[in-house]
Amino acid sequence: MPFFVACSTFGAVNGVLLTSSRLFYAGALEGQMPEILTMIQIKRMTPTPAVLFMAFLSLIYLGSSNIYALISYVGFATWISIGLAVACVPWLRYTAPDLERPIKVNLFWPIIYIIATIIITIVPMFAAPIETGIGVGIISTGIPVYLIFIKLKKPAAVRRFLKSIDTFLQKVMMVCQPETPSDL
């Protein structure tokens, strides 16, 4: 039984690594992440830089020796992120009632999910405030990324420097821009 649990865990981690890297790829296509993350590998047609970036982040998480603290950090950040995304459903229903909705969901389910998210995120604030604070810190690392890559107009020297890094990484990873986003 432990062997099958290990196989299942490995498969789940593999799936999360590959799907999460696609989120970085999609964010980069929207201009919310560095341009190198929009590149695809020439032979395999996969977003190699995004996969490697996700793998690098995973290795950073492995630096923690306390698995329970790591679960608290990532769990809190995940619940906050998903809870805020689900909170958009009733918000958009209220603020934009005429918006076309390809998927219609009864408001009962998002509201139940939001209540559960509030409970799941408030309880750790009292039970494990240090881990919760670190989870908030992890989420807050997105603020400088947003400011640097999206909000602020970069000086020409910074843009040239970033372009040279992109060119170097393109050559090292043998990646290029897809002709259209639908190529993947």
C-alpha atoms as a PDB file:
ATOM      1  CA  MET A   1       0.000   0.000   0.000  1.00  0.00           C
ATOM      2  CA  PRO A   2       2.751   2.569   0.768  1.00  0.00           C
ATOM      3  CA  PHE A   3       4.197   1.974  -2.715  1.00  0.00           C
ATOM      4  CA  PHE A   4       0.868   2.854  -4.352  1.00  0.00           C
ATOM      5  CA  VAL A   5       0.485   5.934  -2.135  1.00  0.00           C
ATOM      6  CA  ALA A   6       3.983   7.031  -3.208  1.00  0.00           C
ATOM      7  CA  CYS A   7       3.091   6.472  -6.887  1.00  0.00           C
ATOM      8  CA  SER A   8      -0.125   8.437  -6.483  1.00  0.00           C
ATOM      9  CA  THR A   9       1.677  11.291  -4.727  1.00  0.00           C
ATOM     10  CA  PHE A  10       4.360  11.410  -7.407  1.00  0.00           C
ATOM     11  CA  GLY A  11       1.712  11.508 -10.131  1.00  0.00           C
ATOM     12  CA  ALA A  12      -0.185  14.294  -8.379  1.00  0.00           C
ATOM     13  CA  VAL A  13       2.977  16.369  -7.923  1.00  0.00           C
ATOM     14  CA  ASN A  14       3.878  15.827 -11.573  1.00  0.00           C
ATOM     15  CA  GLY A  15       0.418  16.963 -12.657  1.00  0.00           C
ATOM     16  CA  VAL A  16       0.501  20.046 -10.423  1.00  0.00           C
ATOM     17  CA  LEU A  17       3.978  20.971 -11.666  1.00  0.00           C
ATOM     18  CA  LEU A  18       2.905  20.794 -15.312  1.00  0.00           C
ATOM     19  CA  THR A  19      -0.466  22.512 -14.883  1.00  0.00           C
ATOM     20  CA  SER A  20       0.907  25.262 -12.627  1.00  0.00           C
ATOM     21  CA  SER A  21       3.611  26.032 -15.152  1.00  0.00           C
ATOM     22  CA  ARG A  22       0.861  26.608 -17.728  1.00  0.00           C
ATOM     23  CA  LEU A  23      -0.529  29.291 -15.413  1.00  0.00           C
ATOM     24  CA  PHE A  24       2.823  31.095 -15.554  1.00  0.00           C
ATOM     25  CA  TYR A  25       2.803  30.695 -19.334  1.00  0.00           C
ATOM     26  CA  ALA A  26      -0.727  32.128 -19.619  1.00  0.00           C
ATOM     27  CA  GLY A  27       0.124  34.978 -17.250  1.00  0.00           C
ATOM     28  CA  ALA A  28       3.183  35.820 -19.327  1.00  0.00           C
ATOM     29  CA  LEU A  29       1.073  35.843 -22.507  1.00  0.00           C
ATOM     30  CA  GLU A  30      -1.152  38.431 -20.805  1.00  0.00           C
ATOM     31  CA  GLY A  31       1.931  40.523 -20.005  1.00  0.00           C
ATOM     32  CA  GLN A  32       1.798  39.770 -16.276  1.00  0.00           C
ATOM     33  CA  MET A  33       5.060  37.820 -16.091  1.00  0.00           C
ATOM     34  CA  PRO A  34       8.493  38.082 -17.764  1.00  0.00           C
ATOM     35  CA  GLU A  35       8.476  37.573 -21.523  1.00  0.00           C
ATOM     36  CA  ILE A  36      10.764  34.526 -21.359  1.00  0.00           C
ATOM     37  CA  LEU A  37       7.885  32.560 -19.812  1.00  0.00           C
ATOM     38  CA  THR A  38       5.923  32.937 -23.078  1.00  0.00           C
ATOM     39  CA  MET A  39       8.531  30.982 -25.016  1.00  0.00           C
ATOM     40  CA  ILE A  40       8.089  27.371 -26.139  1.00  0.00           C
ATOM     41  CA  GLN A  41      10.729  24.730 -26.776  1.00  0.00           C
ATOM     42  CA  ILE A  42      11.461  24.371 -30.496  1.00  0.00           C
ATOM     43  CA  LYS A  43      11.363  20.572 -30.816  1.00  0.00           C
ATOM     44  CA  ARG A  44       8.824  19.570 -28.161  1.00  0.00           C
ATOM     45  CA  MET A  45       6.495  22.604 -28.410  1.00  0.00           C
ATOM     46  CA  THR A  46       6.254  22.872 -24.609  1.00  0.00           C
ATOM     47  CA  PRO A  47       6.620  25.978 -22.428  1.00  0.00           C
ATOM     48  CA  THR A  48      10.020  24.882 -21.090  1.00  0.00           C
ATOM     49  CA  PRO A  49      10.923  28.168 -19.347  1.00  0.00           C
ATOM     50  CA  ALA A  50       7.627  28.133 -17.442  1.00  0.00           C
ATOM     51  CA  VAL A  51       8.130  24.484 -16.413  1.00  0.00           C
ATOM     52  CA  LEU A  52      11.690  25.220 -15.272  1.00  0.00           C
ATOM     53  CA  PHE A  53      10.522  28.281 -13.344  1.00  0.00           C
ATOM     54  CA  MET A  54       7.883  26.192 -11.564  1.00  0.00           C
ATOM     55  CA  ALA A  55      10.485  23.507 -10.818  1.00  0.00           C
ATOM     56  CA  PHE A  56      12.795  26.202  -9.369  1.00  0.00           C
ATOM     57  CA  LEU A  57      10.003  27.458  -7.095  1.00  0.00           C
ATOM     58  CA  SER A  58       9.324  23.875  -5.992  1.00  0.00           C
ATOM     59  CA  LEU A  59      12.996  23.436  -5.094  1.00  0.00           C
ATOM     60  CA  ILE A  60      12.834  26.571  -2.972  1.00  0.00           C
ATOM     61  CA  TYR A  61       9.875  25.084  -1.095  1.00  0.00           C
ATOM     62  CA  LEU A  62      11.903  21.928  -0.508  1.00  0.00           C
ATOM     63  CA  GLY A  63      14.380  24.031   1.472  1.00  0.00           C
ATOM     64  CA  SER A  64      11.970  23.922   4.404  1.00  0.00           C
ATOM     65  CA  SER A  65      12.762  21.138   6.859  1.00  0.00           C
ATOM     66  CA  ASN A  66       9.346  21.316   8.536  1.00  0.00           C
ATOM     67  CA  ILE A  67       6.736  19.698   6.294  1.00  0.00           C
ATOM     68  CA  TYR A  68       3.843  20.836   8.508  1.00  0.00           C
ATOM     69  CA  ALA A  69       4.950  24.465   8.301  1.00  0.00           C
ATOM     70  CA  LEU A  70       5.326  24.147   4.526  1.00  0.00           C
ATOM     71  CA  ILE A  71       1.803  22.743   4.261  1.00  0.00           C
ATOM     72  CA  SER A  72       0.567  25.683   6.353  1.00  0.00           C
ATOM     73  CA  TYR A  73       2.397  28.257   4.179  1.00  0.00           C
ATOM     74  CA  VAL A  74       1.232  26.904   0.869  1.00  0.00           C
ATOM     75  CA  GLY A  75      -2.212  25.815   2.082  1.00  0.00           C
ATOM     76  CA  PHE A  76      -3.047  29.241   3.450  1.00  0.00           C
ATOM     77  CA  ALA A  77      -1.823  30.987   0.292  1.00  0.00           C
ATOM     78  CA  THR A  78      -3.742  28.543  -1.919  1.00  0.00           C
ATOM     79  CA  TRP A  79      -7.008  28.911   0.006  1.00  0.00           C
ATOM     80  CA  ILE A  80      -6.774  32.711  -0.044  1.00  0.00           C
ATOM     81  CA  SER A  81      -6.072  32.762  -3.798  1.00  0.00           C
ATOM     82  CA  ILE A  82      -8.809  30.324  -4.749  1.00  0.00           C
ATOM     83  CA  GLY A  83     -11.265  31.896  -2.309  1.00  0.00           C
ATOM     84  CA  LEU A  84     -10.732  35.331  -3.858  1.00  0.00           C
ATOM     85  CA  ALA A  85     -11.200  33.855  -7.338  1.00  0.00           C
ATOM     86  CA  VAL A  86     -14.485  32.212  -6.312  1.00  0.00           C
ATOM     87  CA  ALA A  87     -15.592  35.469  -4.647  1.00  0.00           C
ATOM     88  CA  CYS A  88     -15.582  36.975  -8.143  1.00  0.00           C
ATOM     89  CA  VAL A  89     -18.625  34.883  -9.104  1.00  0.00           C
ATOM     90  CA  PRO A  90     -21.177  36.631  -6.831  1.00  0.00           C
ATOM     91  CA  TRP A  91     -19.373  39.964  -7.289  1.00  0.00           C
ATOM     92  CA  LEU A  92     -19.691  39.787 -11.078  1.00  0.00           C
ATOM     93  CA  ARG A  93     -23.296  38.614 -10.807  1.00  0.00           C
ATOM     94  CA  TYR A  94     -24.020  41.740  -8.786  1.00  0.00           C
ATOM     95  CA  THR A  95     -21.901  44.307 -10.685  1.00  0.00           C
ATOM     96  CA  ALA A  96     -22.294  42.918 -14.226  1.00  0.00           C
ATOM     97  CA  PRO A  97     -25.610  41.040 -14.402  1.00  0.00           C
ATOM     98  CA  ASP A  98     -25.803  41.259 -18.215  1.00  0.00           C
ATOM     99  CA  LEU A  99     -22.365  39.754 -18.815  1.00  0.00           C
ATOM    100  CA  GLU A 100     -22.434  36.586 -20.952  1.00  0.00           C
ATOM    101  CA  ARG A 101     -21.751  33.506 -18.812  1.00  0.00           C
ATOM    102  CA  PRO A 102     -20.832  30.315 -20.672  1.00  0.00           C
ATOM    103  CA  ILE A 103     -21.029  28.367 -17.394  1.00  0.00           C
ATOM    104  CA  LYS A 104     -23.917  29.116 -15.080  1.00  0.00           C
ATOM    105  CA  VAL A 105     -23.572  28.191 -11.413  1.00  0.00           C
ATOM    106  CA  ASN A 106     -26.201  28.500  -8.717  1.00  0.00           C
ATOM    107  CA  LEU A 107     -24.965  31.188  -6.293  1.00  0.00           C
ATOM    108  CA  PHE A 108     -25.512  28.815  -3.362  1.00  0.00           C
ATOM    109  CA  TRP A 109     -22.303  26.880  -4.194  1.00  0.00           C
ATOM    110  CA  PRO A 110     -19.879  29.812  -4.468  1.00  0.00           C
ATOM    111  CA  ILE A 111     -21.289  31.307  -1.261  1.00  0.00           C
ATOM    112  CA  ILE A 112     -20.809  28.005   0.612  1.00  0.00           C
ATOM    113  CA  TYR A 113     -17.270  27.800  -0.791  1.00  0.00           C
ATOM    114  CA  ILE A 114     -16.504  31.382   0.275  1.00  0.00           C
ATOM    115  CA  ILE A 115     -17.771  30.684   3.802  1.00  0.00           C
ATOM    116  CA  ALA A 116     -15.613  27.550   3.989  1.00  0.00           C
ATOM    117  CA  THR A 117     -12.624  29.536   2.710  1.00  0.00           C
ATOM    118  CA  ILE A 118     -13.139  32.201   5.364  1.00  0.00           C
ATOM    119  CA  ILE A 119     -13.268  29.557   8.096  1.00  0.00           C
ATOM    120  CA  ILE A 120     -10.246  27.690   6.732  1.00  0.00           C
ATOM    121  CA  THR A 121      -8.192  30.886   6.536  1.00  0.00           C
ATOM    122  CA  ILE A 122      -9.296  32.513   9.822  1.00  0.00           C
ATOM    123  CA  VAL A 123      -8.730  29.467  12.054  1.00  0.00           C
ATOM    124  CA  PRO A 124      -4.996  29.188  11.180  1.00  0.00           C
ATOM    125  CA  MET A 125      -4.537  32.874  11.973  1.00  0.00           C
ATOM    126  CA  PHE A 126      -5.183  32.019  15.614  1.00  0.00           C
ATOM    127  CA  ALA A 127      -3.840  28.455  15.661  1.00  0.00           C
ATOM    128  CA  ALA A 128      -0.557  29.112  13.804  1.00  0.00           C
ATOM    129  CA  PRO A 129      -0.021  32.864  13.420  1.00  0.00           C
ATOM    130  CA  ILE A 130       3.660  32.601  12.410  1.00  0.00           C
ATOM    131  CA  GLU A 131       2.980  30.150   9.576  1.00  0.00           C
ATOM    132  CA  THR A 132      -0.010  32.217   8.496  1.00  0.00           C
ATOM    133  CA  GLY A 133       2.153  35.344   8.459  1.00  0.00           C
ATOM    134  CA  ILE A 134       4.710  33.567   6.293  1.00  0.00           C
ATOM    135  CA  GLY A 135       1.862  32.526   3.963  1.00  0.00           C
ATOM    136  CA  VAL A 136       0.834  36.173   3.696  1.00  0.00           C
ATOM    137  CA  GLY A 137       4.494  36.979   2.986  1.00  0.00           C
ATOM    138  CA  ILE A 138       4.554  34.404   0.189  1.00  0.00           C
ATOM    139  CA  ILE A 139       1.483  36.015  -1.363  1.00  0.00           C
ATOM    140  CA  SER A 140       3.018  39.475  -0.900  1.00  0.00           C
ATOM    141  CA  THR A 141       6.031  38.526  -3.027  1.00  0.00           C
ATOM    142  CA  GLY A 142       3.728  39.014  -6.004  1.00  0.00           C
ATOM    143  CA  ILE A 143       3.506  42.755  -5.324  1.00  0.00           C
ATOM    144  CA  PRO A 144       7.051  43.615  -6.464  1.00  0.00           C
ATOM    145  CA  VAL A 145       6.663  41.286  -9.459  1.00  0.00           C
ATOM    146  CA  TYR A 146       3.503  43.170 -10.427  1.00  0.00           C
ATOM    147  CA  LEU A 147       5.137  46.552  -9.915  1.00  0.00           C
ATOM    148  CA  ILE A 148       8.302  45.659 -11.835  1.00  0.00           C
ATOM    149  CA  PHE A 149       6.796  43.822 -14.796  1.00  0.00           C
ATOM    150  CA  ILE A 150       3.379  45.443 -15.220  1.00  0.00           C
ATOM    151  CA  LYS A 151       2.693  48.716 -13.458  1.00  0.00           C
ATOM    152  CA  LEU A 152       5.917  50.674 -13.746  1.00  0.00           C
ATOM    153  CA  LYS A 153       7.347  51.949 -17.003  1.00  0.00           C
ATOM    154  CA  LYS A 154      10.868  50.565 -17.130  1.00  0.00           C
ATOM    155  CA  PRO A 155      13.740  52.806 -18.203  1.00  0.00           C
ATOM    156  CA  ALA A 156      15.319  52.003 -21.589  1.00  0.00           C
ATOM    157  CA  ALA A 157      18.466  50.610 -19.933  1.00  0.00           C
ATOM    158  CA  VAL A 158      16.399  48.164 -17.860  1.00  0.00           C
ATOM    159  CA  ARG A 159      14.413  47.106 -20.920  1.00  0.00           C
ATOM    160  CA  ARG A 160      17.639  46.475 -22.868  1.00  0.00           C
ATOM    161  CA  PHE A 161      19.057  44.473 -19.952  1.00  0.00           C
ATOM    162  CA  LEU A 162      15.903  42.348 -19.681  1.00  0.00           C
ATOM    163  CA  LYS A 163      15.908  41.833 -23.454  1.00  0.00           C
ATOM    164  CA  SER A 164      19.528  40.614 -23.329  1.00  0.00           C
ATOM    165  CA  ILE A 165      18.603  38.163 -20.560  1.00  0.00           C
ATOM    166  CA  ASP A 166      15.638  36.933 -22.630  1.00  0.00           C
ATOM    167  CA  THR A 167      17.885  36.468 -25.677  1.00  0.00           C
ATOM    168  CA  PHE A 168      20.489  34.579 -23.638  1.00  0.00           C
ATOM    169  CA  LEU A 169      17.843  32.286 -22.090  1.00  0.00           C
ATOM    170  CA  GLN A 170      16.284  31.705 -25.519  1.00  0.00           C
ATOM    171  CA  LYS A 171      19.618  30.431 -26.815  1.00  0.00           C
ATOM    172  CA  VAL A 172      20.350  28.280 -23.749  1.00  0.00           C
ATOM    173  CA  MET A 173      16.903  26.631 -23.647  1.00  0.00           C
ATOM    174  CA  MET A 174      16.356  26.613 -27.430  1.00  0.00           C
ATOM    175  CA  VAL A 175      12.995  28.343 -27.137  1.00  0.00           C
ATOM    176  CA  CYS A 176      11.139  30.891 -29.246  1.00  0.00           C
ATOM    177  CA  GLN A 177       7.832  32.733 -29.365  1.00  0.00           C
ATOM    178  CA  PRO A 178       4.980  30.623 -30.707  1.00  0.00           C
ATOM    179  CA  GLU A 179       3.489  31.897 -33.949  1.00  0.00           C
ATOM    180  CA  THR A 180       0.111  32.184 -32.231  1.00  0.00           C
ATOM    181  CA  PRO A 181      -0.989  31.350 -28.690  1.00  0.00           C
ATOM    182  CA  SER A 182      -3.115  28.537 -30.151  1.00  0.00           C
ATOM    183  CA  ASP A 183       0.055  26.685 -31.209  1.00  0.00           C
ATOM    184  CA  LEU A 184       0.093  25.056 -27.786  1.00  0.00           C
END
